Amino acid sequence: MSTTTIRIDDELRQRVASAAERAGKSPHAFIVEAIAATVSESELREEFYRMGSERWEKISAGGRTVAMQDMRNYVTARAQGKNPAKPKSRKHGT
């Protein structure tokens, strides 16, 4: 395991120490956990955007979609305990 040095101002250092104490952790463990959570969040966001871009490319290339209002009506009916027919998909742009 390697060591990395970060410089933080005194106010943030105190906030980290207080938060770590409330969480029952050392400041080091608190910081490492915060970094790991931020990296995971960043990776998830990147994957989300990658998937969205991929899906948009497919739709733009002639993929099929369901009109928002049709889907909203379907989901609302299902939430009310009804058994509506699934909305019909259509070629994007029609």
PDB file of N, CA and C in Angstrom:
ATOM      1  N   MET A   1       0.854  -1.167   0.000  1.00  0.00           N
ATOM      2  CA  MET A   1       0.000   0.000   0.000  1.00  0.00           C
ATOM      3  C   MET A   1       0.905   1.236   0.000  1.00  0.00           C
ATOM      4  N   SER A   2       0.572   2.202  -0.843  1.00  0.00           N
ATOM      5  CA  SER A   2       1.387   3.410  -0.914  1.00  0.00           C
ATOM      6  C   SER A   2       0.766   4.530  -0.088  1.00  0.00           C
ATOM      7  N   THR A   3       1.539   5.556   0.117  1.00  0.00           N
ATOM      8  CA  THR A   3       1.091   6.716   0.874  1.00  0.00           C
ATOM      9  C   THR A   3       0.909   7.886  -0.075  1.00  0.00           C
ATOM     10  N   THR A   4      -0.177   8.606   0.103  1.00  0.00           N
ATOM     11  CA  THR A   4      -0.444   9.816  -0.658  1.00  0.00           C
ATOM     12  C   THR A   4      -0.677  10.942   0.339  1.00  0.00           C
ATOM     13  N   THR A   5      -0.077  12.060   0.090  1.00  0.00           N
ATOM     14  CA  THR A   5      -0.247  13.210   0.961  1.00  0.00           C
ATOM     15  C   THR A   5      -1.227  14.180   0.328  1.00  0.00           C
ATOM     16  N   ILE A   6      -2.177  14.647   1.131  1.00  0.00           N
ATOM     17  CA  ILE A   6      -3.091  15.682   0.660  1.00  0.00           C
ATOM     18  C   ILE A   6      -2.975  16.860   1.623  1.00  0.00           C
ATOM     19  N   ARG A   7      -3.162  18.040   1.081  1.00  0.00           N
ATOM     20  CA  ARG A   7      -3.127  19.231   1.911  1.00  0.00           C
ATOM     21  C   ARG A   7      -4.546  19.775   2.010  1.00  0.00           C
ATOM     22  N   ILE A   8      -5.015  19.911   3.236  1.00  0.00           N
ATOM     23  CA  ILE A   8      -6.335  20.490   3.458  1.00  0.00           C
ATOM     24  C   ILE A   8      -6.194  21.594   4.498  1.00  0.00           C
ATOM     25  N   ASP A   9      -7.068  22.585   4.395  1.00  0.00           N
ATOM     26  CA  ASP A   9      -6.973  23.695   5.355  1.00  0.00           C
ATOM     27  C   ASP A   9      -7.430  23.227   6.738  1.00  0.00           C
ATOM     28  N   ASP A  10      -7.100  24.031   7.727  1.00  0.00           N
ATOM     29  CA  ASP A  10      -7.381  23.657   9.122  1.00  0.00           C
ATOM     30  C   ASP A  10      -8.866  23.467   9.387  1.00  0.00           C
ATOM     31  N   GLU A  11      -9.691  24.306   8.769  1.00  0.00           N
ATOM     32  CA  GLU A  11     -11.139  24.183   8.992  1.00  0.00           C
ATOM     33  C   GLU A  11     -11.653  22.830   8.491  1.00  0.00           C
ATOM     34  N   LEU A  12     -11.253  22.438   7.281  1.00  0.00           N
ATOM     35  CA  LEU A  12     -11.694  21.151   6.742  1.00  0.00           C
ATOM     36  C   LEU A  12     -11.126  20.010   7.558  1.00  0.00           C
ATOM     37  N   ARG A  13      -9.890  20.131   7.992  1.00  0.00           N
ATOM     38  CA  ARG A  13      -9.272  19.082   8.815  1.00  0.00           C
ATOM     39  C   ARG A  13     -10.103  18.872  10.082  1.00  0.00           C
ATOM     40  N   GLN A  14     -10.555  19.965  10.702  1.00  0.00           N
ATOM     41  CA  GLN A  14     -11.359  19.859  11.918  1.00  0.00           C
ATOM     42  C   GLN A  14     -12.727  19.249  11.617  1.00  0.00           C
ATOM     43  N   ARG A  15     -13.312  19.637  10.506  1.00  0.00           N
ATOM     44  CA  ARG A  15     -14.612  19.071  10.118  1.00  0.00           C
ATOM     45  C   ARG A  15     -14.491  17.569   9.885  1.00  0.00           C
ATOM     46  N   VAL A  16     -13.399  17.153   9.224  1.00  0.00           N
ATOM     47  CA  VAL A  16     -13.164  15.722   8.992  1.00  0.00           C
ATOM     48  C   VAL A  16     -13.004  15.002  10.321  1.00  0.00           C
ATOM     49  N   ALA A  17     -12.217  15.574  11.210  1.00  0.00           N
ATOM     50  CA  ALA A  17     -11.992  14.936  12.515  1.00  0.00           C
ATOM     51  C   ALA A  17     -13.300  14.800  13.283  1.00  0.00           C
ATOM     52  N   SER A  18     -14.113  15.847  13.268  1.00  0.00           N
ATOM     53  CA  SER A  18     -15.402  15.793  13.979  1.00  0.00           C
ATOM     54  C   SER A  18     -16.335  14.764  13.356  1.00  0.00           C
ATOM     55  N   ALA A  19     -16.420  14.772  12.030  1.00  0.00           N
ATOM     56  CA  ALA A  19     -17.291  13.813  11.343  1.00  0.00           C
ATOM     57  C   ALA A  19     -16.818  12.383  11.585  1.00  0.00           C
ATOM     58  N   ALA A  20     -15.512  12.178  11.553  1.00  0.00           N
ATOM     59  CA  ALA A  20     -14.962  10.841  11.788  1.00  0.00           C
ATOM     60  C   ALA A  20     -15.284  10.372  13.198  1.00  0.00           C
ATOM     61  N   GLU A  21     -15.152  11.270  14.150  1.00  0.00           N
ATOM     62  CA  GLU A  21     -15.453  10.909  15.538  1.00  0.00           C
ATOM     63  C   GLU A  21     -16.926  10.529  15.694  1.00  0.00           C
ATOM     64  N   ARG A  22     -17.810  11.311  15.076  1.00  0.00           N
ATOM     65  CA  ARG A  22     -19.243  10.990  15.143  1.00  0.00           C
ATOM     66  C   ARG A  22     -19.539   9.640  14.505  1.00  0.00           C
ATOM     67  N   ALA A  23     -18.773   9.297  13.467  1.00  0.00           N
ATOM     68  CA  ALA A  23     -18.973   8.026  12.766  1.00  0.00           C
ATOM     69  C   ALA A  23     -18.247   6.871  13.449  1.00  0.00           C
ATOM     70  N   GLY A  24     -17.470   7.184  14.485  1.00  0.00           N
ATOM     71  CA  GLY A  24     -16.734   6.138  15.193  1.00  0.00           C
ATOM     72  C   GLY A  24     -15.558   5.606  14.395  1.00  0.00           C
ATOM     73  N   LYS A  25     -14.945   6.490  13.601  1.00  0.00           N
ATOM     74  CA  LYS A  25     -13.814   6.087  12.751  1.00  0.00           C
ATOM     75  C   LYS A  25     -12.651   7.019  12.981  1.00  0.00           C
ATOM     76  N   SER A  26     -11.494   6.569  12.563  1.00  0.00           N
ATOM     77  CA  SER A  26     -10.340   7.463  12.575  1.00  0.00           C
ATOM     78  C   SER A  26     -10.474   8.430  11.401  1.00  0.00           C
ATOM     79  N   PRO A  27      -9.849   9.610  11.492  1.00  0.00           N
ATOM     80  CA  PRO A  27      -9.881  10.528  10.348  1.00  0.00           C
ATOM     81  C   PRO A  27      -9.345   9.867   9.075  1.00  0.00           C
ATOM     82  N   HIS A  28      -8.305   9.054   9.204  1.00  0.00           N
ATOM     83  CA  HIS A  28      -7.748   8.362   8.043  1.00  0.00           C
ATOM     84  C   HIS A  28      -8.794   7.453   7.401  1.00  0.00           C
ATOM     85  N   ALA A  29      -9.442   6.627   8.213  1.00  0.00           N
ATOM     86  CA  ALA A  29     -10.456   5.706   7.685  1.00  0.00           C
ATOM     87  C   ALA A  29     -11.606   6.490   7.057  1.00  0.00           C
ATOM     88  N   PHE A  30     -11.995   7.596   7.671  1.00  0.00           N
ATOM     89  CA  PHE A  30     -13.072   8.421   7.148  1.00  0.00           C
ATOM     90  C   PHE A  30     -12.700   8.982   5.778  1.00  0.00           C
ATOM     91  N   ILE A  31     -11.485   9.492   5.652  1.00  0.00           N
ATOM     92  CA  ILE A  31     -11.017  10.062   4.382  1.00  0.00           C
ATOM     93  C   ILE A  31     -10.925   8.991   3.304  1.00  0.00           C
ATOM     94  N   VAL A  32     -10.361   7.835   3.643  1.00  0.00           N
ATOM     95  CA  VAL A  32     -10.241   6.749   2.660  1.00  0.00           C
ATOM     96  C   VAL A  32     -11.625   6.315   2.189  1.00  0.00           C
ATOM     97  N   GLU A  33     -12.570   6.198   3.119  1.00  0.00           N
ATOM     98  CA  GLU A  33     -13.939   5.810   2.761  1.00  0.00           C
ATOM     99  C   GLU A  33     -14.582   6.872   1.863  1.00  0.00           C
ATOM    100  N   ALA A  34     -14.359   8.137   2.178  1.00  0.00           N
ATOM    101  CA  ALA A  34     -14.928   9.224   1.364  1.00  0.00           C
ATOM    102  C   ALA A  34     -14.340   9.213  -0.049  1.00  0.00           C
ATOM    103  N   ILE A  35     -13.063   8.976  -0.162  1.00  0.00           N
ATOM    104  CA  ILE A  35     -12.434   8.905  -1.490  1.00  0.00           C
ATOM    105  C   ILE A  35     -12.995   7.722  -2.271  1.00  0.00           C
ATOM    106  N   ALA A  36     -13.099   6.572  -1.630  1.00  0.00           N
ATOM    107  CA  ALA A  36     -13.622   5.379  -2.300  1.00  0.00           C
ATOM    108  C   ALA A  36     -15.065   5.608  -2.771  1.00  0.00           C
ATOM    109  N   ALA A  37     -15.877   6.250  -1.931  1.00  0.00           N
ATOM    110  CA  ALA A  37     -17.272   6.517  -2.302  1.00  0.00           C
ATOM    111  C   ALA A  37     -17.340   7.483  -3.485  1.00  0.00           C
ATOM    112  N   THR A  38     -16.489   8.494  -3.484  1.00  0.00           N
ATOM    113  CA  THR A  38     -16.481   9.462  -4.577  1.00  0.00           C
ATOM    114  C   THR A  38     -16.033   8.822  -5.880  1.00  0.00           C
ATOM    115  N   VAL A  39     -15.031   7.963  -5.821  1.00  0.00           N
ATOM    116  CA  VAL A  39     -14.563   7.264  -7.021  1.00  0.00           C
ATOM    117  C   VAL A  39     -15.661   6.344  -7.552  1.00  0.00           C
ATOM    118  N   SER A  40     -16.328   5.614  -6.668  1.00  0.00           N
ATOM    119  CA  SER A  40     -17.420   4.729  -7.099  1.00  0.00           C
ATOM    120  C   SER A  40     -18.546   5.525  -7.746  1.00  0.00           C
ATOM    121  N   GLU A  41     -18.894   6.644  -7.145  1.00  0.00           N
ATOM    122  CA  GLU A  41     -19.947   7.496  -7.697  1.00  0.00           C
ATOM    123  C   GLU A  41     -19.562   7.995  -9.093  1.00  0.00           C
ATOM    124  N   SER A  42     -18.318   8.389  -9.242  1.00  0.00           N
ATOM    125  CA  SER A  42     -17.833   8.868 -10.539  1.00  0.00           C
ATOM    126  C   SER A  42     -17.890   7.764 -11.588  1.00  0.00           C
ATOM    127  N   GLU A  43     -17.478   6.565 -11.209  1.00  0.00           N
ATOM    128  CA  GLU A  43     -17.508   5.432 -12.137  1.00  0.00           C
ATOM    129  C   GLU A  43     -18.936   5.084 -12.541  1.00  0.00           C
ATOM    130  N   LEU A  44     -19.844   5.103 -11.577  1.00  0.00           N
ATOM    131  CA  LEU A  44     -21.252   4.814 -11.880  1.00  0.00           C
ATOM    132  C   LEU A  44     -21.839   5.867 -12.810  1.00  0.00           C
ATOM    133  N   ARG A  45     -21.505   7.139 -12.563  1.00  0.00           N
ATOM    134  CA  ARG A  45     -22.007   8.216 -13.410  1.00  0.00           C
ATOM    135  C   ARG A  45     -21.483   8.056 -14.838  1.00  0.00           C
ATOM    136  N   GLU A  46     -20.193   7.750 -14.972  1.00  0.00           N
ATOM    137  CA  GLU A  46     -19.618   7.527 -16.303  1.00  0.00           C
ATOM    138  C   GLU A  46     -20.321   6.389 -17.028  1.00  0.00           C
ATOM    139  N   GLU A  47     -20.575   5.294 -16.324  1.00  0.00           N
ATOM    140  CA  GLU A  47     -21.262   4.150 -16.923  1.00  0.00           C
ATOM    141  C   GLU A  47     -22.684   4.514 -17.324  1.00  0.00           C
ATOM    142  N   PHE A  48     -23.370   5.278 -16.485  1.00  0.00           N
ATOM    143  CA  PHE A  48     -24.726   5.719 -16.776  1.00  0.00           C
ATOM    144  C   PHE A  48     -24.751   6.531 -18.074  1.00  0.00           C
ATOM    145  N   TYR A  49     -23.838   7.486 -18.199  1.00  0.00           N
ATOM    146  CA  TYR A  49     -23.788   8.310 -19.407  1.00  0.00           C
ATOM    147  C   TYR A  49     -23.376   7.494 -20.633  1.00  0.00           C
ATOM    148  N   ARG A  50     -22.459   6.546 -20.438  1.00  0.00           N
ATOM    149  CA  ARG A  50     -22.044   5.682 -21.558  1.00  0.00           C
ATOM    150  C   ARG A  50     -23.225   4.881 -22.069  1.00  0.00           C
ATOM    151  N   MET A  51     -23.986   4.293 -21.140  1.00  0.00           N
ATOM    152  CA  MET A  51     -25.154   3.505 -21.541  1.00  0.00           C
ATOM    153  C   MET A  51     -26.195   4.386 -22.213  1.00  0.00           C
ATOM    154  N   GLY A  52     -26.408   5.578 -21.678  1.00  0.00           N
ATOM    155  CA  GLY A  52     -27.373   6.490 -22.276  1.00  0.00           C
ATOM    156  C   GLY A  52     -26.974   6.871 -23.690  1.00  0.00           C
ATOM    157  N   SER A  53     -25.700   7.155 -23.897  1.00  0.00           N
ATOM    158  CA  SER A  53     -25.209   7.515 -25.229  1.00  0.00           C
ATOM    159  C   SER A  53     -25.366   6.351 -26.203  1.00  0.00           C
ATOM    160  N   GLU A  54     -25.044   5.161 -25.714  1.00  0.00           N
ATOM    161  CA  GLU A  54     -25.192   3.957 -26.536  1.00  0.00           C
ATOM    162  C   GLU A  54     -26.651   3.756 -26.951  1.00  0.00           C
ATOM    163  N   ARG A  55     -27.552   3.900 -25.996  1.00  0.00           N
ATOM    164  CA  ARG A  55     -28.973   3.705 -26.280  1.00  0.00           C
ATOM    165  C   ARG A  55     -29.498   4.787 -27.217  1.00  0.00           C
ATOM    166  N   TRP A  56     -29.046   6.027 -27.026  1.00  0.00           N
ATOM    167  CA  TRP A  56     -29.493   7.105 -27.897  1.00  0.00           C
ATOM    168  C   TRP A  56     -29.019   6.859 -29.330  1.00  0.00           C
ATOM    169  N   GLU A  57     -27.801   6.364 -29.504  1.00  0.00           N
ATOM    170  CA  GLU A  57     -27.296   6.038 -30.841  1.00  0.00           C
ATOM    171  C   GLU A  57     -28.190   5.002 -31.520  1.00  0.00           C
ATOM    172  N   LYS A  58     -28.589   3.978 -30.759  1.00  0.00           N
ATOM    173  CA  LYS A  58     -29.466   2.942 -31.319  1.00  0.00           C
ATOM    174  C   LYS A  58     -30.820   3.524 -31.706  1.00  0.00           C
ATOM    175  N   ILE A  59     -31.371   4.365 -30.844  1.00  0.00           N
ATOM    176  CA  ILE A  59     -32.668   4.981 -31.144  1.00  0.00           C
ATOM    177  C   ILE A  59     -32.543   5.872 -32.367  1.00  0.00           C
ATOM    178  N   SER A  60     -31.500   6.675 -32.408  1.00  0.00           N
ATOM    179  CA  SER A  60     -31.296   7.597 -33.532  1.00  0.00           C
ATOM    180  C   SER A  60     -31.089   6.861 -34.845  1.00  0.00           C
ATOM    181  N   ALA A  61     -30.561   5.659 -34.762  1.00  0.00           N
ATOM    182  CA  ALA A  61     -30.310   4.857 -35.963  1.00  0.00           C
ATOM    183  C   ALA A  61     -31.546   4.075 -36.390  1.00  0.00           C
ATOM    184  N   GLY A  62     -32.697   4.427 -35.851  1.00  0.00           N
ATOM    185  CA  GLY A  62     -33.927   3.762 -36.282  1.00  0.00           C
ATOM    186  C   GLY A  62     -34.515   2.814 -35.271  1.00  0.00           C
ATOM    187  N   GLY A  63     -34.075   2.931 -34.037  1.00  0.00           N
ATOM    188  CA  GLY A  63     -34.621   2.071 -32.989  1.00  0.00           C
ATOM    189  C   GLY A  63     -36.068   2.409 -32.678  1.00  0.00           C
ATOM    190  N   ARG A  64     -36.665   1.600 -31.840  1.00  0.00           N
ATOM    191  CA  ARG A  64     -38.077   1.770 -31.514  1.00  0.00           C
ATOM    192  C   ARG A  64     -38.196   2.383 -30.120  1.00  0.00           C
ATOM    193  N   THR A  65     -39.248   3.192 -29.955  1.00  0.00           N
ATOM    194  CA  THR A  65     -39.502   3.841 -28.679  1.00  0.00           C
ATOM    195  C   THR A  65     -40.988   3.738 -28.341  1.00  0.00           C
ATOM    196  N   VAL A  66     -41.314   4.099 -27.109  1.00  0.00           N
ATOM    197  CA  VAL A  66     -42.701   4.171 -26.666  1.00  0.00           C
ATOM    198  C   VAL A  66     -42.954   5.622 -26.294  1.00  0.00           C
ATOM    199  N   ALA A  67     -44.064   6.187 -26.762  1.00  0.00           N
ATOM    200  CA  ALA A  67     -44.399   7.572 -26.439  1.00  0.00           C
ATOM    201  C   ALA A  67     -44.524   7.729 -24.926  1.00  0.00           C
ATOM    202  N   MET A  68     -44.006   8.825 -24.406  1.00  0.00           N
ATOM    203  CA  MET A  68     -44.002   9.061 -22.966  1.00  0.00           C
ATOM    204  C   MET A  68     -45.411   9.022 -22.388  1.00  0.00           C
ATOM    205  N   GLN A  69     -46.355   9.659 -23.048  1.00  0.00           N
ATOM    206  CA  GLN A  69     -47.721   9.684 -22.521  1.00  0.00           C
ATOM    207  C   GLN A  69     -48.327   8.279 -22.498  1.00  0.00           C
ATOM    208  N   ASP A  70     -48.021   7.482 -23.517  1.00  0.00           N
ATOM    209  CA  ASP A  70     -48.511   6.099 -23.532  1.00  0.00           C
ATOM    210  C   ASP A  70     -47.920   5.307 -22.367  1.00  0.00           C
ATOM    211  N   MET A  71     -46.642   5.498 -22.107  1.00  0.00           N
ATOM    212  CA  MET A  71     -45.994   4.788 -21.001  1.00  0.00           C
ATOM    213  C   MET A  71     -46.534   5.284 -19.667  1.00  0.00           C
ATOM    214  N   ARG A  72     -46.741   6.592 -19.546  1.00  0.00           N
ATOM    215  CA  ARG A  72     -47.287   7.152 -18.313  1.00  0.00           C
ATOM    216  C   ARG A  72     -48.675   6.580 -18.035  1.00  0.00           C
ATOM    217  N   ASN A  73     -49.517   6.521 -19.058  1.00  0.00           N
ATOM    218  CA  ASN A  73     -50.861   5.958 -18.892  1.00  0.00           C
ATOM    219  C   ASN A  73     -50.788   4.493 -18.473  1.00  0.00           C
ATOM    220  N   TYR A  74     -49.881   3.739 -19.072  1.00  0.00           N
ATOM    221  CA  TYR A  74     -49.706   2.323 -18.761  1.00  0.00           C
ATOM    222  C   TYR A  74     -49.266   2.138 -17.305  1.00  0.00           C
ATOM    223  N   VAL A  75     -48.250   2.887 -16.901  1.00  0.00           N
ATOM    224  CA  VAL A  75     -47.721   2.747 -15.543  1.00  0.00           C
ATOM    225  C   VAL A  75     -48.772   3.187 -14.516  1.00  0.00           C
ATOM    226  N   THR A  76     -49.487   4.260 -14.804  1.00  0.00           N
ATOM    227  CA  THR A  76     -50.537   4.728 -13.896  1.00  0.00           C
ATOM    228  C   THR A  76     -51.620   3.670 -13.733  1.00  0.00           C
ATOM    229  N   ALA A  77     -52.037   3.088 -14.831  1.00  0.00           N
ATOM    230  CA  ALA A  77     -53.062   2.044 -14.769  1.00  0.00           C
ATOM    231  C   ALA A  77     -52.569   0.842 -13.965  1.00  0.00           C
ATOM    232  N   ARG A  78     -51.314   0.454 -14.174  1.00  0.00           N
ATOM    233  CA  ARG A  78     -50.760  -0.674 -13.409  1.00  0.00           C
ATOM    234  C   ARG A  78     -50.721  -0.355 -11.920  1.00  0.00           C
ATOM    235  N   ALA A  79     -50.346   0.893 -11.597  1.00  0.00           N
ATOM    236  CA  ALA A  79     -50.277   1.304 -10.198  1.00  0.00           C
ATOM    237  C   ALA A  79     -51.662   1.289  -9.546  1.00  0.00           C
ATOM    238  N   GLN A  80     -52.701   1.439 -10.343  1.00  0.00           N
ATOM    239  CA  GLN A  80     -54.077   1.415  -9.839  1.00  0.00           C
ATOM    240  C   GLN A  80     -54.642  -0.003  -9.796  1.00  0.00           C
ATOM    241  N   GLY A  81     -53.804  -0.987 -10.107  1.00  0.00           N
ATOM    242  CA  GLY A  81     -54.229  -2.374 -10.041  1.00  0.00           C
ATOM    243  C   GLY A  81     -54.897  -2.886 -11.300  1.00  0.00           C
ATOM    244  N   LYS A  82     -54.898  -2.077 -12.340  1.00  0.00           N
ATOM    245  CA  LYS A  82     -55.501  -2.491 -13.606  1.00  0.00           C
ATOM    246  C   LYS A  82     -54.497  -3.313 -14.401  1.00  0.00           C
ATOM    247  N   ASN A  83     -54.983  -3.959 -15.444  1.00  0.00           N
ATOM    248  CA  ASN A  83     -54.122  -4.784 -16.289  1.00  0.00           C
ATOM    249  C   ASN A  83     -54.215  -4.290 -17.739  1.00  0.00           C
ATOM    250  N   PRO A  84     -53.648  -3.126 -18.031  1.00  0.00           N
ATOM    251  CA  PRO A  84     -53.767  -2.559 -19.378  1.00  0.00           C
ATOM    252  C   PRO A  84     -52.870  -3.278 -20.378  1.00  0.00           C
ATOM    253  N   ALA A  85     -53.188  -3.108 -21.643  1.00  0.00           N
ATOM    254  CA  ALA A  85     -52.313  -3.640 -22.693  1.00  0.00           C
ATOM    255  C   ALA A  85     -51.025  -2.836 -22.694  1.00  0.00           C
ATOM    256  N   LYS A  86     -49.925  -3.516 -22.993  1.00  0.00           N
ATOM    257  CA  LYS A  86     -48.644  -2.807 -23.063  1.00  0.00           C
ATOM    258  C   LYS A  86     -48.688  -1.794 -24.198  1.00  0.00           C
ATOM    259  N   PRO A  87     -48.076  -0.631 -23.997  1.00  0.00           N
ATOM    260  CA  PRO A  87     -48.083   0.369 -25.066  1.00  0.00           C
ATOM    261  C   PRO A  87     -47.290  -0.120 -26.273  1.00  0.00           C
ATOM    262  N   LYS A  88     -47.689   0.319 -27.434  1.00  0.00           N
ATOM    263  CA  LYS A  88     -47.043  -0.115 -28.675  1.00  0.00           C
ATOM    264  C   LYS A  88     -45.802   0.742 -28.915  1.00  0.00           C
ATOM    265  N   SER A  89     -44.749   0.094 -29.355  1.00  0.00           N
ATOM    266  CA  SER A  89     -43.543   0.845 -29.709  1.00  0.00           C
ATOM    267  C   SER A  89     -43.666   1.334 -31.145  1.00  0.00           C
ATOM    268  N   ARG A  90     -42.898   2.345 -31.427  1.00  0.00           N
ATOM    269  CA  ARG A  90     -42.917   2.914 -32.773  1.00  0.00           C
ATOM    270  C   ARG A  90     -41.497   3.283 -33.156  1.00  0.00           C
ATOM    271  N   LYS A  91     -41.266   3.422 -34.437  1.00  0.00           N
ATOM    272  CA  LYS A  91     -39.938   3.824 -34.894  1.00  0.00           C
ATOM    273  C   LYS A  91     -39.703   5.266 -34.434  1.00  0.00           C
ATOM    274  N   HIS A  92     -38.531   5.551 -33.945  1.00  0.00           N
ATOM    275  CA  HIS A  92     -38.200   6.871 -33.430  1.00  0.00           C
ATOM    276  C   HIS A  92     -38.502   7.950 -34.470  1.00  0.00           C
ATOM    277  N   GLY A  93     -39.174   9.001 -34.031  1.00  0.00           N
ATOM    278  CA  GLY A  93     -39.480  10.126 -34.915  1.00  0.00           C
ATOM    279  C   GLY A  93     -40.812  10.020 -35.634  1.00  0.00           C
ATOM    280  N   THR A  94     -41.566   8.955 -35.388  1.00  0.00           N
ATOM    281  CA  THR A  94     -42.866   8.821 -36.054  1.00  0.00           C
ATOM    282  C   THR A  94     -43.997   9.024 -35.080  1.00  0.00           C
TER     283      THR A  94
END
